[in-house]
Amino acid sequence: MSIKVTEAAARQITKQLQRRGRGLGLRLGVKKSGCSGLAYVIDYADSVGESDAVFEQLGVTLVVDREHLPALEGLEVDYRREGISEAFRFNNPNVKASCGCGESFTV
């Protein structure tokens, strides 16, 4: 199982954790949502539980509950600025379809 982080995402994760003043890294997951079925969930990770998988890369840590791994296997987490918008972007090879607004997806 692997989840990758780009250099831009690693810089942003580090910046956000420094601004926050605490945390191990980011917690990634999915939840049922939207018209296509699943949506990404991103939060700070302050601890690692027994059911968590930990991915360390480029000096940052991503924590994922193992039950979410089938939907996230091979995921690349990126961070992009487009015009005045900037956000994490998820390049997921498992996505079979997504809604028009880009908020939800199906694996």
Protein backbone atom coordinates (compact mmCIF):
# COMPACT_ATOMS: atom_id res chain seq x y z
CA MET A 1 0.00 0.00 0.00
CA SER A 2 1.30 3.42 -0.85
CA ILE A 3 0.22 7.03 -0.72
CA LYS A 4 2.50 9.69 -2.18
CA VAL A 5 2.93 13.37 -1.41
CA THR A 6 4.38 15.93 -3.82
CA GLU A 7 6.98 18.48 -2.77
CA ALA A 8 4.39 21.26 -2.97
CA ALA A 9 2.03 19.33 -0.69
CA ALA A 10 4.84 18.51 1.75
CA ARG A 11 5.76 22.22 1.98
CA GLN A 12 2.13 23.15 2.65
CA ILE A 13 1.63 20.42 5.26
CA THR A 14 4.78 21.57 7.08
CA LYS A 15 3.64 25.20 6.91
CA GLN A 16 0.17 24.38 8.27
CA LEU A 17 1.55 22.27 11.12
CA GLN A 18 4.02 25.02 12.07
CA ARG A 19 1.23 27.60 12.05
CA ARG A 20 -0.93 25.29 14.19
CA GLY A 21 1.93 24.66 16.61
CA ARG A 22 1.34 20.94 17.09
CA GLY A 23 0.43 17.72 15.30
CA LEU A 24 2.11 14.67 13.79
CA GLY A 25 0.90 15.29 10.25
CA LEU A 26 -2.30 15.07 8.25
CA ARG A 27 -5.04 12.46 8.52
CA LEU A 28 -6.61 11.44 5.21
CA GLY A 29 -9.78 9.48 4.68
CA VAL A 30 -13.01 9.21 2.75
CA LYS A 31 -16.65 9.57 3.71
CA LYS A 32 -19.93 8.86 1.95
CA SER A 33 -20.97 12.09 0.33
CA GLY A 34 -22.11 13.86 -2.81
CA CYS A 35 -23.66 12.52 -5.96
CA SER A 36 -20.84 10.09 -6.79
CA GLY A 37 -20.59 8.38 -3.41
CA LEU A 38 -17.31 9.32 -1.67
CA ALA A 39 -15.49 12.52 -0.74
CA TYR A 40 -12.03 13.10 0.68
CA VAL A 41 -11.63 14.05 4.32
CA ILE A 42 -8.50 15.83 5.52
CA ASP A 43 -7.70 16.82 9.10
CA TYR A 44 -4.74 17.17 11.42
CA ALA A 45 -3.32 13.98 12.92
CA ASP A 46 -2.39 14.39 16.58
CA SER A 47 -2.00 10.68 17.30
CA VAL A 48 -1.82 7.31 15.59
CA GLY A 49 -4.35 4.62 16.45
CA GLU A 50 -4.09 0.83 16.21
CA SER A 51 -6.11 0.77 12.97
CA ASP A 52 -4.01 3.50 11.31
CA ALA A 53 -1.43 3.15 8.56
CA VAL A 54 1.35 5.74 8.56
CA PHE A 55 3.08 7.06 5.45
CA GLU A 56 6.20 9.21 5.87
CA GLN A 57 7.64 11.01 2.90
CA LEU A 58 9.54 14.25 2.22
CA GLY A 59 9.60 15.02 5.94
CA VAL A 60 5.83 14.82 6.48
CA THR A 61 3.50 12.18 7.89
CA LEU A 62 0.15 11.07 6.49
CA VAL A 63 -2.11 8.95 8.70
CA VAL A 64 -4.89 6.83 7.17
CA ASP A 65 -7.33 4.48 8.88
CA ARG A 66 -6.79 1.08 7.24
CA GLU A 67 -10.49 0.78 6.36
CA HIS A 68 -10.01 3.73 3.94
CA LEU A 69 -6.93 2.28 2.20
CA PRO A 70 -8.78 0.43 -0.61
CA ALA A 71 -10.17 3.77 -1.88
CA LEU A 72 -6.84 5.60 -1.39
CA GLU A 73 -4.27 3.05 -2.62
CA GLY A 74 -1.84 4.79 -4.98
CA LEU A 75 -3.18 8.27 -4.12
CA GLU A 76 -0.94 11.25 -4.82
CA VAL A 77 -1.55 14.28 -2.61
CA ASP A 78 -0.61 17.54 -4.33
CA TYR A 79 -1.04 21.22 -3.50
CA ARG A 80 -1.74 23.71 -6.26
CA ARG A 81 -2.37 27.38 -6.68
CA GLU A 82 -4.65 28.25 -9.59
CA GLY A 83 -5.38 31.95 -9.90
CA ILE A 84 -6.54 33.13 -6.49
CA SER A 85 -7.46 29.60 -5.34
CA GLU A 86 -5.10 27.19 -3.64
CA ALA A 87 -5.90 23.78 -2.25
CA PHE A 88 -4.82 20.20 -1.81
CA ARG A 89 -5.53 18.11 -4.90
CA PHE A 90 -5.92 14.35 -4.95
CA ASN A 91 -4.74 12.30 -7.93
CA ASN A 92 -6.36 8.94 -7.33
CA PRO A 93 -5.84 6.08 -9.81
CA ASN A 94 -8.83 4.21 -8.32
CA VAL A 95 -11.44 6.78 -9.35
CA LYS A 96 -13.90 5.33 -11.84
CA ALA A 97 -16.18 8.40 -12.01
CA SER A 98 -16.57 11.79 -10.35
CA CYS A 99 -19.30 14.36 -10.15
CA GLY A 100 -19.22 17.50 -12.27
CA CYS A 101 -18.24 19.75 -9.37
CA GLY A 102 -15.33 17.51 -8.41
CA GLU A 103 -16.45 17.11 -4.80
CA SER A 104 -17.23 13.40 -4.86
CA PHE A 105 -16.05 10.28 -6.65
CA THR A 106 -16.64 6.55 -7.15
CA VAL A 107 -14.05 3.79 -6.92
